[in-house]
Amino acid sequence: MSTVEQLQVVVSEVQNARHQVATVRAQLQELETTITAVEKHPEGMALHRQLGGVLVEVDNKAELIEELKTTHSTLSEHAERLSEHEAKLVAAYEELKKSLEGEA
């Protein structure tokens, strides 16, 4: 594979990684908003969650909050790994670019 082809592949991978990072960060923001809303939800009032296309009443608010926080933590770790992968791809891109400039 030529350097130009390698560069094109890496550019595509960088774009994909950036899209994934943005998507996961949006999901994290949504989870943070949800956690805050559930924590502020008045005790004694019904609380529902969506399961598929059905809303189901939640029996244990604290359990739901814990589950949301666990999901947030897992997603945060995933976002960190994606960011690290993106950084490595950007470094590979820079190396390929320098190599290509050296060939010219």
N, C-alpha and C. Protein backbone atom coordinates (compact mmCIF):
# COMPACT_ATOMS: atom_id res chain seq x y z
N MET A 1 0.86 -1.17 0.00
CA MET A 1 0.00 0.00 0.00
C MET A 1 0.90 1.23 0.00
N SER A 2 0.60 2.17 -0.87
CA SER A 2 1.42 3.37 -0.96
C SER A 2 1.17 4.29 0.24
N THR A 3 2.07 5.24 0.42
CA THR A 3 1.94 6.18 1.53
C THR A 3 0.66 7.00 1.38
N VAL A 4 0.33 7.38 0.15
CA VAL A 4 -0.90 8.16 -0.08
C VAL A 4 -2.13 7.33 0.31
N GLU A 5 -2.13 6.06 -0.05
CA GLU A 5 -3.26 5.19 0.31
C GLU A 5 -3.33 5.01 1.82
N GLN A 6 -2.19 4.85 2.46
CA GLN A 6 -2.15 4.72 3.92
C GLN A 6 -2.70 5.99 4.56
N LEU A 7 -2.30 7.13 4.02
CA LEU A 7 -2.76 8.42 4.55
C LEU A 7 -4.28 8.53 4.42
N GLN A 8 -4.81 8.12 3.29
CA GLN A 8 -6.27 8.17 3.08
C GLN A 8 -7.00 7.27 4.09
N VAL A 9 -6.44 6.10 4.34
CA VAL A 9 -7.05 5.18 5.30
C VAL A 9 -7.02 5.80 6.70
N VAL A 10 -5.88 6.37 7.07
CA VAL A 10 -5.76 6.96 8.41
C VAL A 10 -6.69 8.16 8.55
N VAL A 11 -6.82 8.98 7.51
CA VAL A 11 -7.74 10.13 7.56
C VAL A 11 -9.16 9.63 7.80
N SER A 12 -9.54 8.59 7.11
CA SER A 12 -10.88 8.01 7.29
C SER A 12 -11.06 7.49 8.72
N GLU A 13 -10.03 6.84 9.25
CA GLU A 13 -10.11 6.31 10.61
C GLU A 13 -10.17 7.44 11.64
N VAL A 14 -9.44 8.52 11.40
CA VAL A 14 -9.49 9.67 12.31
C VAL A 14 -10.88 10.26 12.32
N GLN A 15 -11.47 10.43 11.14
CA GLN A 15 -12.82 10.98 11.05
C GLN A 15 -13.82 10.08 11.79
N ASN A 16 -13.68 8.78 11.60
CA ASN A 16 -14.55 7.83 12.28
C ASN A 16 -14.37 7.91 13.80
N ALA A 17 -13.13 7.95 14.24
CA ALA A 17 -12.86 8.03 15.69
C ALA A 17 -13.43 9.32 16.28
N ARG A 18 -13.29 10.42 15.56
CA ARG A 18 -13.83 11.69 16.06
C ARG A 18 -15.34 11.65 16.15
N HIS A 19 -15.97 11.01 15.18
CA HIS A 19 -17.42 10.86 15.21
C HIS A 19 -17.84 10.03 16.42
N GLN A 20 -17.12 8.93 16.67
CA GLN A 20 -17.44 8.08 17.81
C GLN A 20 -17.25 8.82 19.13
N VAL A 21 -16.17 9.59 19.24
CA VAL A 21 -15.92 10.36 20.46
C VAL A 21 -17.05 11.36 20.68
N ALA A 22 -17.45 12.04 19.62
CA ALA A 22 -18.54 13.03 19.75
C ALA A 22 -19.85 12.35 20.16
N THR A 23 -20.12 11.20 19.59
CA THR A 23 -21.35 10.47 19.91
C THR A 23 -21.36 10.03 21.38
N VAL A 24 -20.25 9.49 21.84
CA VAL A 24 -20.17 9.02 23.23
C VAL A 24 -20.25 10.21 24.19
N ARG A 25 -19.61 11.31 23.85
CA ARG A 25 -19.69 12.50 24.72
C ARG A 25 -21.11 13.03 24.80
N ALA A 26 -21.85 12.98 23.69
CA ALA A 26 -23.26 13.40 23.70
C ALA A 26 -24.07 12.48 24.59
N GLN A 27 -23.78 11.17 24.52
CA GLN A 27 -24.47 10.22 25.38
C GLN A 27 -24.16 10.48 26.86
N LEU A 28 -22.91 10.81 27.14
CA LEU A 28 -22.52 11.13 28.52
C LEU A 28 -23.27 12.35 29.02
N GLN A 29 -23.36 13.38 28.19
CA GLN A 29 -24.08 14.59 28.58
C GLN A 29 -25.55 14.29 28.85
N GLU A 30 -26.14 13.46 28.00
CA GLU A 30 -27.53 13.08 28.19
C GLU A 30 -27.71 12.30 29.49
N LEU A 31 -26.78 11.40 29.79
CA LEU A 31 -26.84 10.64 31.04
C LEU A 31 -26.71 11.55 32.25
N GLU A 32 -25.81 12.52 32.17
CA GLU A 32 -25.63 13.46 33.29
C GLU A 32 -26.92 14.23 33.53
N THR A 33 -27.56 14.66 32.47
CA THR A 33 -28.83 15.39 32.60
C THR A 33 -29.91 14.49 33.20
N THR A 34 -29.93 13.24 32.77
CA THR A 34 -30.91 12.28 33.28
C THR A 34 -30.68 12.01 34.77
N ILE A 35 -29.43 11.81 35.15
CA ILE A 35 -29.11 11.55 36.55
C ILE A 35 -29.56 12.72 37.42
N THR A 36 -29.25 13.93 36.98
CA THR A 36 -29.66 15.12 37.73
C THR A 36 -31.18 15.19 37.87
N ALA A 37 -31.88 14.93 36.77
CA ALA A 37 -33.35 14.99 36.80
C ALA A 37 -33.93 13.93 37.73
N VAL A 38 -33.38 12.73 37.69
CA VAL A 38 -33.90 11.65 38.55
C VAL A 38 -33.60 11.98 40.01
N GLU A 39 -32.41 12.50 40.29
CA GLU A 39 -32.07 12.85 41.67
C GLU A 39 -33.00 13.94 42.21
N LYS A 40 -33.42 14.85 41.36
CA LYS A 40 -34.31 15.95 41.79
C LYS A 40 -35.78 15.55 41.78
N HIS A 41 -36.10 14.40 41.22
CA HIS A 41 -37.48 13.96 41.11
C HIS A 41 -38.07 13.77 42.51
N PRO A 42 -39.20 14.39 42.79
CA PRO A 42 -39.79 14.31 44.14
C PRO A 42 -40.10 12.89 44.56
N GLU A 43 -39.78 12.60 45.81
CA GLU A 43 -40.10 11.29 46.38
C GLU A 43 -41.61 11.13 46.39
N GLY A 44 -42.06 9.92 46.18
CA GLY A 44 -43.50 9.64 46.23
C GLY A 44 -44.18 9.82 44.89
N MET A 45 -43.55 10.53 43.96
CA MET A 45 -44.14 10.69 42.63
C MET A 45 -43.63 9.55 41.75
N ALA A 46 -44.50 9.08 40.87
CA ALA A 46 -44.14 7.97 39.99
C ALA A 46 -42.96 8.37 39.10
N LEU A 47 -42.07 7.42 38.91
CA LEU A 47 -40.90 7.60 38.05
C LEU A 47 -40.90 6.45 37.06
N HIS A 48 -40.73 6.77 35.78
CA HIS A 48 -40.80 5.74 34.75
C HIS A 48 -39.51 5.72 33.94
N ARG A 49 -39.22 4.57 33.36
CA ARG A 49 -38.10 4.44 32.44
C ARG A 49 -38.61 3.72 31.20
N GLN A 50 -37.97 3.99 30.10
CA GLN A 50 -38.39 3.37 28.86
C GLN A 50 -37.62 2.07 28.66
N LEU A 51 -38.35 1.02 28.38
CA LEU A 51 -37.77 -0.28 28.03
C LEU A 51 -38.36 -0.66 26.68
N GLY A 52 -37.55 -0.54 25.65
CA GLY A 52 -38.08 -0.76 24.30
C GLY A 52 -39.09 0.32 24.01
N GLY A 53 -40.27 -0.06 23.61
CA GLY A 53 -41.31 0.92 23.31
C GLY A 53 -42.30 1.09 24.44
N VAL A 54 -41.94 0.63 25.64
CA VAL A 54 -42.88 0.64 26.77
C VAL A 54 -42.29 1.44 27.92
N LEU A 55 -43.12 2.24 28.58
CA LEU A 55 -42.71 2.91 29.81
C LEU A 55 -43.07 2.03 30.99
N VAL A 56 -42.11 1.81 31.87
CA VAL A 56 -42.31 0.95 33.04
C VAL A 56 -42.04 1.78 34.29
N GLU A 57 -42.91 1.65 35.27
CA GLU A 57 -42.72 2.39 36.52
C GLU A 57 -41.52 1.82 37.28
N VAL A 58 -40.72 2.71 37.82
CA VAL A 58 -39.54 2.32 38.58
C VAL A 58 -39.92 2.22 40.04
N ASP A 59 -39.58 1.09 40.65
CA ASP A 59 -39.90 0.88 42.06
C ASP A 59 -38.86 1.49 42.98
N ASN A 60 -37.59 1.49 42.56
CA ASN A 60 -36.51 1.90 43.44
C ASN A 60 -35.69 3.00 42.78
N LYS A 61 -35.92 4.22 43.18
CA LYS A 61 -35.23 5.38 42.60
C LYS A 61 -33.72 5.29 42.82
N ALA A 62 -33.29 4.90 44.00
CA ALA A 62 -31.86 4.82 44.31
C ALA A 62 -31.17 3.79 43.41
N GLU A 63 -31.85 2.68 43.17
CA GLU A 63 -31.30 1.65 42.29
C GLU A 63 -31.14 2.17 40.86
N LEU A 64 -32.12 2.92 40.41
CA LEU A 64 -32.06 3.51 39.07
C LEU A 64 -30.90 4.49 38.97
N ILE A 65 -30.75 5.32 39.97
CA ILE A 65 -29.64 6.30 39.98
C ILE A 65 -28.30 5.57 39.95
N GLU A 66 -28.18 4.53 40.74
CA GLU A 66 -26.92 3.75 40.77
C GLU A 66 -26.65 3.13 39.40
N GLU A 67 -27.68 2.59 38.78
CA GLU A 67 -27.53 1.99 37.45
C GLU A 67 -27.10 3.05 36.42
N LEU A 68 -27.71 4.22 36.49
CA LEU A 68 -27.35 5.30 35.57
C LEU A 68 -25.90 5.75 35.79
N LYS A 69 -25.48 5.83 37.05
CA LYS A 69 -24.10 6.23 37.35
C LYS A 69 -23.10 5.17 36.89
N THR A 70 -23.45 3.91 37.02
CA THR A 70 -22.59 2.83 36.54
C THR A 70 -22.45 2.91 35.02
N THR A 71 -23.56 3.13 34.34
CA THR A 71 -23.53 3.28 32.89
C THR A 71 -22.67 4.48 32.50
N HIS A 72 -22.81 5.57 33.23
CA HIS A 72 -22.01 6.77 32.97
C HIS A 72 -20.53 6.48 33.13
N SER A 73 -20.18 5.78 34.18
CA SER A 73 -18.78 5.45 34.44
C SER A 73 -18.21 4.58 33.32
N THR A 74 -18.96 3.58 32.92
CA THR A 74 -18.53 2.69 31.84
C THR A 74 -18.36 3.47 30.54
N LEU A 75 -19.31 4.33 30.25
CA LEU A 75 -19.24 5.15 29.03
C LEU A 75 -18.08 6.13 29.09
N SER A 76 -17.79 6.65 30.27
CA SER A 76 -16.65 7.56 30.43
C SER A 76 -15.33 6.85 30.12
N GLU A 77 -15.21 5.63 30.60
CA GLU A 77 -14.01 4.84 30.32
C GLU A 77 -13.89 4.57 28.81
N HIS A 78 -15.02 4.27 28.19
CA HIS A 78 -15.04 4.03 26.75
C HIS A 78 -14.63 5.30 25.99
N ALA A 79 -15.13 6.44 26.43
CA ALA A 79 -14.78 7.71 25.79
C ALA A 79 -13.28 7.98 25.91
N GLU A 80 -12.71 7.65 27.06
CA GLU A 80 -11.28 7.84 27.27
C GLU A 80 -10.47 6.96 26.32
N ARG A 81 -10.87 5.71 26.19
CA ARG A 81 -10.18 4.80 25.26
C ARG A 81 -10.30 5.29 23.82
N LEU A 82 -11.49 5.76 23.45
CA LEU A 82 -11.68 6.28 22.10
C LEU A 82 -10.81 7.51 21.85
N SER A 83 -10.71 8.39 22.85
CA SER A 83 -9.87 9.58 22.72
C SER A 83 -8.40 9.21 22.56
N GLU A 84 -7.96 8.21 23.31
CA GLU A 84 -6.58 7.74 23.19
C GLU A 84 -6.33 7.16 21.80
N HIS A 85 -7.29 6.39 21.31
CA HIS A 85 -7.18 5.81 19.97
C HIS A 85 -7.12 6.93 18.91
N GLU A 86 -7.97 7.93 19.09
CA GLU A 86 -7.98 9.06 18.16
C GLU A 86 -6.62 9.76 18.15
N ALA A 87 -6.04 9.96 19.32
CA ALA A 87 -4.74 10.62 19.43
C ALA A 87 -3.66 9.81 18.70
N LYS A 88 -3.70 8.48 18.84
CA LYS A 88 -2.74 7.63 18.15
C LYS A 88 -2.92 7.73 16.63
N LEU A 89 -4.16 7.77 16.20
CA LEU A 89 -4.42 7.91 14.77
C LEU A 89 -3.93 9.25 14.23
N VAL A 90 -4.12 10.31 15.00
CA VAL A 90 -3.65 11.63 14.59
C VAL A 90 -2.12 11.62 14.50
N ALA A 91 -1.47 10.96 15.45
CA ALA A 91 -0.01 10.86 15.41
C ALA A 91 0.44 10.07 14.17
N ALA A 92 -0.27 9.00 13.87
CA ALA A 92 0.06 8.21 12.66
C ALA A 92 -0.15 9.05 11.41
N TYR A 93 -1.20 9.85 11.41
CA TYR A 93 -1.46 10.75 10.28
C TYR A 93 -0.30 11.73 10.10
N GLU A 94 0.14 12.32 11.20
CA GLU A 94 1.24 13.30 11.13
C GLU A 94 2.51 12.64 10.60
N GLU A 95 2.79 11.42 11.04
CA GLU A 95 3.98 10.70 10.56
C GLU A 95 3.88 10.41 9.06
N LEU A 96 2.72 9.95 8.65
CA LEU A 96 2.52 9.66 7.22
C LEU A 96 2.62 10.93 6.38
N LYS A 97 2.10 12.01 6.91
CA LYS A 97 2.15 13.30 6.19
C LYS A 97 3.59 13.74 6.03
N LYS A 98 4.40 13.62 7.10
CA LYS A 98 5.81 13.99 7.02
C LYS A 98 6.54 13.10 6.03
N SER A 99 6.20 11.81 6.06
CA SER A 99 6.82 10.86 5.13
C SER A 99 6.48 11.22 3.69
N LEU A 100 5.24 11.58 3.48
CA LEU A 100 4.80 11.95 2.13
C LEU A 100 5.47 13.24 1.67
N GLU A 101 5.60 14.20 2.58
CA GLU A 101 6.27 15.46 2.25
C GLU A 101 7.73 15.22 1.93
N GLY A 102 8.35 14.24 2.60
CA GLY A 102 9.75 13.89 2.35
C GLY A 102 9.94 13.24 1.00
N GLU A 103 8.90 12.55 0.52
CA GLU A 103 8.97 11.89 -0.79
C GLU A 103 8.85 12.88 -1.94
N ALA A 104 8.21 14.02 -1.66
CA ALA A 104 7.95 14.99 -2.74
C ALA A 104 9.17 15.76 -3.16
